Amino acid sequence: MEIKNVQIPFTLFRQLVSYHLLDDYSCSDEICKGLEEKMDHLVNRQLYTQSKTAATEEEREKARKEYLDKKGISENFRW
């Protein structure tokens, strides 16, 4: 698997530095929230990419449905 770079907001980076290097645990809730949001964005992007580039039509359709479910798009508004 190819290792890729991930960008995070500067404020989250600063909070991570404070937490790990300065032992400032006051922002642990914000760090958890920021990392969860980033993971959600990464998963959504991966599903979207799979919905466009998967090898078979079945895989593309499965990824498309999962992506739309995660985004909260109701069945009535799907094509």
Foldseek 3Di string as FASTA:
>chain_A
DDDDDDDFDPVLVVVVCCCPPVVPCPCVVVNVVRVVVSVLVVLLVVLCVQLVDPPDPVRNVVSVVVSCVSVPPDPVPDD
